Amino acid sequence: MVRPEHFELLSDVAHADNLIEGRLVRTIMVGGVSRQYVELADGVALTATQLSTGFPARDAVRLGWRREHTIVLPAREALH
């Protein structure tokens, strides 16, 4: 699991510990904060929240995050 505020929209040349590509479905700006809704190729939806920086509008986006912001959750079977 990665919290939405730990995702970063990356330029085509930027690097991060973890990267994933998707399609930007919608952006909602509230004051100085933007929330981006991204759909991955397998249909999974992700939400990224960050300060509004004027990231250029485009369909294909890259999300990145640092490895220490990844939380591994136990398998559902392990919870029973």
N, C-alpha and C. Protein backbone atom coordinates (compact mmCIF):
# COMPACT_ATOMS: atom_id res chain seq x y z
N MET A 1 0.84 -1.15 0.00
CA MET A 1 0.00 0.00 0.00
C MET A 1 0.90 1.23 0.00
N VAL A 2 0.47 2.23 -0.75
CA VAL A 2 1.17 3.52 -0.78
C VAL A 2 0.12 4.61 -0.59
N ARG A 3 0.35 5.49 0.37
CA ARG A 3 -0.60 6.58 0.59
C ARG A 3 -0.58 7.54 -0.59
N PRO A 4 -1.72 8.13 -0.95
CA PRO A 4 -1.80 9.00 -2.13
C PRO A 4 -0.81 10.16 -2.13
N GLU A 5 -0.49 10.70 -0.97
CA GLU A 5 0.44 11.83 -0.93
C GLU A 5 1.89 11.44 -1.17
N HIS A 6 2.18 10.12 -1.20
CA HIS A 6 3.54 9.67 -1.47
C HIS A 6 3.79 9.39 -2.95
N PHE A 7 2.74 9.34 -3.76
CA PHE A 7 2.92 9.22 -5.20
C PHE A 7 3.38 10.56 -5.75
N GLU A 8 4.23 10.52 -6.74
CA GLU A 8 4.67 11.74 -7.41
C GLU A 8 4.51 11.55 -8.91
N LEU A 9 3.88 12.51 -9.57
CA LEU A 9 3.81 12.47 -11.03
C LEU A 9 5.18 12.84 -11.57
N LEU A 10 5.73 11.98 -12.40
CA LEU A 10 7.11 12.15 -12.87
C LEU A 10 7.15 12.58 -14.33
N SER A 11 8.19 13.32 -14.65
CA SER A 11 8.45 13.65 -16.05
C SER A 11 8.96 12.39 -16.75
N ASP A 12 9.12 12.46 -18.06
CA ASP A 12 9.57 11.28 -18.82
C ASP A 12 10.98 10.84 -18.48
N VAL A 13 11.79 11.73 -17.90
CA VAL A 13 13.18 11.40 -17.61
C VAL A 13 13.47 11.25 -16.12
N ALA A 14 12.49 11.53 -15.27
CA ALA A 14 12.70 11.44 -13.82
C ALA A 14 12.75 9.99 -13.37
N HIS A 15 13.43 9.76 -12.27
CA HIS A 15 13.57 8.41 -11.71
C HIS A 15 13.02 8.38 -10.30
N ALA A 16 12.62 7.20 -9.86
CA ALA A 16 12.16 6.96 -8.49
C ALA A 16 12.47 5.51 -8.15
N ASP A 17 12.42 5.19 -6.86
CA ASP A 17 12.67 3.80 -6.44
C ASP A 17 11.67 2.85 -7.09
N ASN A 18 10.42 3.29 -7.20
CA ASN A 18 9.34 2.50 -7.78
C ASN A 18 8.62 3.33 -8.82
N LEU A 19 8.31 2.72 -9.94
CA LEU A 19 7.63 3.42 -11.04
C LEU A 19 6.47 2.58 -11.55
N ILE A 20 5.41 3.28 -11.96
CA ILE A 20 4.28 2.61 -12.58
C ILE A 20 3.69 3.58 -13.59
N GLU A 21 3.21 3.06 -14.70
CA GLU A 21 2.64 3.91 -15.74
C GLU A 21 1.14 3.69 -15.82
N GLY A 22 0.44 4.73 -16.17
CA GLY A 22 -1.00 4.64 -16.29
C GLY A 22 -1.56 5.76 -17.13
N ARG A 23 -2.88 5.87 -17.12
CA ARG A 23 -3.59 6.89 -17.89
C ARG A 23 -4.27 7.83 -16.91
N LEU A 24 -3.98 9.12 -17.07
CA LEU A 24 -4.60 10.12 -16.22
C LEU A 24 -6.06 10.27 -16.61
N VAL A 25 -6.95 9.93 -15.69
CA VAL A 25 -8.38 9.95 -15.96
C VAL A 25 -8.98 11.30 -15.60
N ARG A 26 -8.52 11.87 -14.48
CA ARG A 26 -9.11 13.12 -14.01
C ARG A 26 -8.16 13.80 -13.04
N THR A 27 -8.18 15.12 -13.01
CA THR A 27 -7.46 15.91 -12.02
C THR A 27 -8.44 16.87 -11.37
N ILE A 28 -8.42 16.90 -10.05
CA ILE A 28 -9.26 17.84 -9.31
C ILE A 28 -8.32 18.71 -8.48
N MET A 29 -8.46 20.02 -8.64
CA MET A 29 -7.63 20.96 -7.89
C MET A 29 -8.49 21.64 -6.83
N VAL A 30 -8.00 21.61 -5.60
CA VAL A 30 -8.68 22.26 -4.49
C VAL A 30 -7.63 23.15 -3.81
N GLY A 31 -7.73 24.45 -4.07
CA GLY A 31 -6.73 25.35 -3.52
C GLY A 31 -5.36 25.00 -4.08
N GLY A 32 -4.40 24.81 -3.21
CA GLY A 32 -3.04 24.50 -3.65
C GLY A 32 -2.75 23.02 -3.76
N VAL A 33 -3.78 22.17 -3.67
CA VAL A 33 -3.59 20.72 -3.73
C VAL A 33 -4.32 20.14 -4.94
N SER A 34 -3.66 19.22 -5.61
CA SER A 34 -4.27 18.52 -6.75
C SER A 34 -4.41 17.04 -6.41
N ARG A 35 -5.50 16.46 -6.88
CA ARG A 35 -5.71 15.02 -6.75
C ARG A 35 -5.83 14.47 -8.16
N GLN A 36 -4.92 13.55 -8.51
CA GLN A 36 -4.92 12.92 -9.83
C GLN A 36 -5.43 11.50 -9.71
N TYR A 37 -6.35 11.15 -10.60
CA TYR A 37 -6.90 9.80 -10.65
C TYR A 37 -6.28 9.12 -11.86
N VAL A 38 -5.58 8.02 -11.62
CA VAL A 38 -4.82 7.32 -12.65
C VAL A 38 -5.34 5.90 -12.77
N GLU A 39 -5.55 5.44 -14.00
CA GLU A 39 -5.97 4.07 -14.24
C GLU A 39 -4.82 3.31 -14.86
N LEU A 40 -4.49 2.15 -14.29
CA LEU A 40 -3.42 1.30 -14.81
C LEU A 40 -3.95 0.42 -15.92
N ALA A 41 -3.06 -0.21 -16.66
CA ALA A 41 -3.45 -1.05 -17.80
C ALA A 41 -4.38 -2.19 -17.39
N ASP A 42 -4.23 -2.70 -16.16
CA ASP A 42 -5.08 -3.80 -15.71
C ASP A 42 -6.39 -3.33 -15.09
N GLY A 43 -6.66 -2.02 -15.16
CA GLY A 43 -7.91 -1.47 -14.66
C GLY A 43 -7.86 -0.98 -13.22
N VAL A 44 -6.77 -1.24 -12.51
CA VAL A 44 -6.63 -0.77 -11.14
C VAL A 44 -6.57 0.75 -11.14
N ALA A 45 -7.28 1.38 -10.21
CA ALA A 45 -7.30 2.84 -10.12
C ALA A 45 -6.44 3.28 -8.93
N LEU A 46 -5.61 4.29 -9.16
CA LEU A 46 -4.78 4.88 -8.11
C LEU A 46 -5.11 6.35 -7.99
N THR A 47 -4.90 6.90 -6.80
CA THR A 47 -5.09 8.32 -6.58
C THR A 47 -3.79 8.89 -6.06
N ALA A 48 -3.35 9.98 -6.66
CA ALA A 48 -2.15 10.69 -6.20
C ALA A 48 -2.57 12.07 -5.73
N THR A 49 -2.06 12.49 -4.59
CA THR A 49 -2.36 13.81 -4.05
C THR A 49 -1.05 14.56 -3.87
N GLN A 50 -0.98 15.77 -4.42
CA GLN A 50 0.24 16.56 -4.29
C GLN A 50 -0.07 18.04 -4.41
N LEU A 51 0.91 18.85 -4.10
CA LEU A 51 0.73 20.28 -4.27
C LEU A 51 0.54 20.58 -5.74
N SER A 52 -0.32 21.54 -6.05
CA SER A 52 -0.57 21.91 -7.44
C SER A 52 0.68 22.61 -8.00
N THR A 53 1.27 21.98 -9.02
CA THR A 53 2.52 22.50 -9.57
C THR A 53 2.41 22.85 -11.05
N GLY A 54 1.23 22.70 -11.61
CA GLY A 54 1.09 22.99 -13.04
C GLY A 54 1.64 21.89 -13.91
N PHE A 55 1.57 20.63 -13.46
CA PHE A 55 2.04 19.50 -14.25
C PHE A 55 1.27 19.49 -15.56
N PRO A 56 1.94 19.36 -16.70
CA PRO A 56 1.24 19.44 -17.99
C PRO A 56 0.19 18.34 -18.15
N ALA A 57 -0.94 18.71 -18.69
CA ALA A 57 -2.02 17.74 -18.92
C ALA A 57 -1.63 16.79 -20.04
N ARG A 58 -1.80 15.51 -19.81
CA ARG A 58 -1.55 14.48 -20.82
C ARG A 58 -2.19 13.20 -20.36
N ASP A 59 -2.41 12.30 -21.30
CA ASP A 59 -3.08 11.04 -20.97
C ASP A 59 -2.17 10.06 -20.24
N ALA A 60 -0.99 9.80 -20.79
CA ALA A 60 -0.07 8.83 -20.20
C ALA A 60 0.77 9.52 -19.12
N VAL A 61 0.80 8.91 -17.94
CA VAL A 61 1.58 9.47 -16.84
C VAL A 61 2.41 8.39 -16.18
N ARG A 62 3.43 8.83 -15.48
CA ARG A 62 4.29 7.94 -14.70
C ARG A 62 4.18 8.37 -13.25
N LEU A 63 3.89 7.41 -12.38
CA LEU A 63 3.87 7.68 -10.94
C LEU A 63 5.09 7.02 -10.32
N GLY A 64 5.70 7.73 -9.39
CA GLY A 64 6.84 7.18 -8.68
C GLY A 64 6.68 7.36 -7.19
N TRP A 65 7.38 6.54 -6.41
CA TRP A 65 7.38 6.69 -4.97
C TRP A 65 8.63 6.04 -4.40
N ARG A 66 9.02 6.52 -3.22
CA ARG A 66 10.21 6.01 -2.55
C ARG A 66 9.90 4.69 -1.86
N ARG A 67 10.89 3.83 -1.80
CA ARG A 67 10.68 2.48 -1.25
C ARG A 67 10.23 2.52 0.21
N GLU A 68 10.67 3.48 0.99
CA GLU A 68 10.26 3.53 2.39
C GLU A 68 8.80 3.95 2.58
N HIS A 69 8.16 4.37 1.50
CA HIS A 69 6.75 4.72 1.56
C HIS A 69 5.83 3.56 1.17
N THR A 70 6.42 2.40 0.92
CA THR A 70 5.65 1.20 0.59
C THR A 70 5.37 0.41 1.87
N ILE A 71 4.11 0.09 2.09
CA ILE A 71 3.71 -0.72 3.24
C ILE A 71 3.17 -2.04 2.70
N VAL A 72 3.79 -3.14 3.10
CA VAL A 72 3.34 -4.46 2.66
C VAL A 72 2.30 -4.96 3.65
N LEU A 73 1.13 -5.25 3.14
CA LEU A 73 0.03 -5.75 3.98
C LEU A 73 0.02 -7.27 3.95
N PRO A 74 -0.36 -7.92 5.06
CA PRO A 74 -0.43 -9.38 5.06
C PRO A 74 -1.53 -9.87 4.12
N ALA A 75 -1.35 -11.07 3.61
CA ALA A 75 -2.37 -11.68 2.75
C ALA A 75 -3.65 -11.83 3.54
N ARG A 76 -4.76 -11.76 2.86
CA ARG A 76 -6.07 -11.86 3.51
C ARG A 76 -6.17 -13.14 4.35
N GLU A 77 -5.62 -14.25 3.83
CA GLU A 77 -5.68 -15.53 4.54
C GLU A 77 -4.93 -15.44 5.88
N ALA A 78 -3.89 -14.64 5.94
CA ALA A 78 -3.09 -14.52 7.17
C ALA A 78 -3.84 -13.76 8.26
N LEU A 79 -4.89 -13.05 7.90
CA LEU A 79 -5.65 -12.28 8.87
C LEU A 79 -6.67 -13.11 9.62
N HIS A 80 -6.94 -14.33 9.16
CA HIS A 80 -7.96 -15.18 9.79
C HIS A 80 -7.34 -16.18 10.71
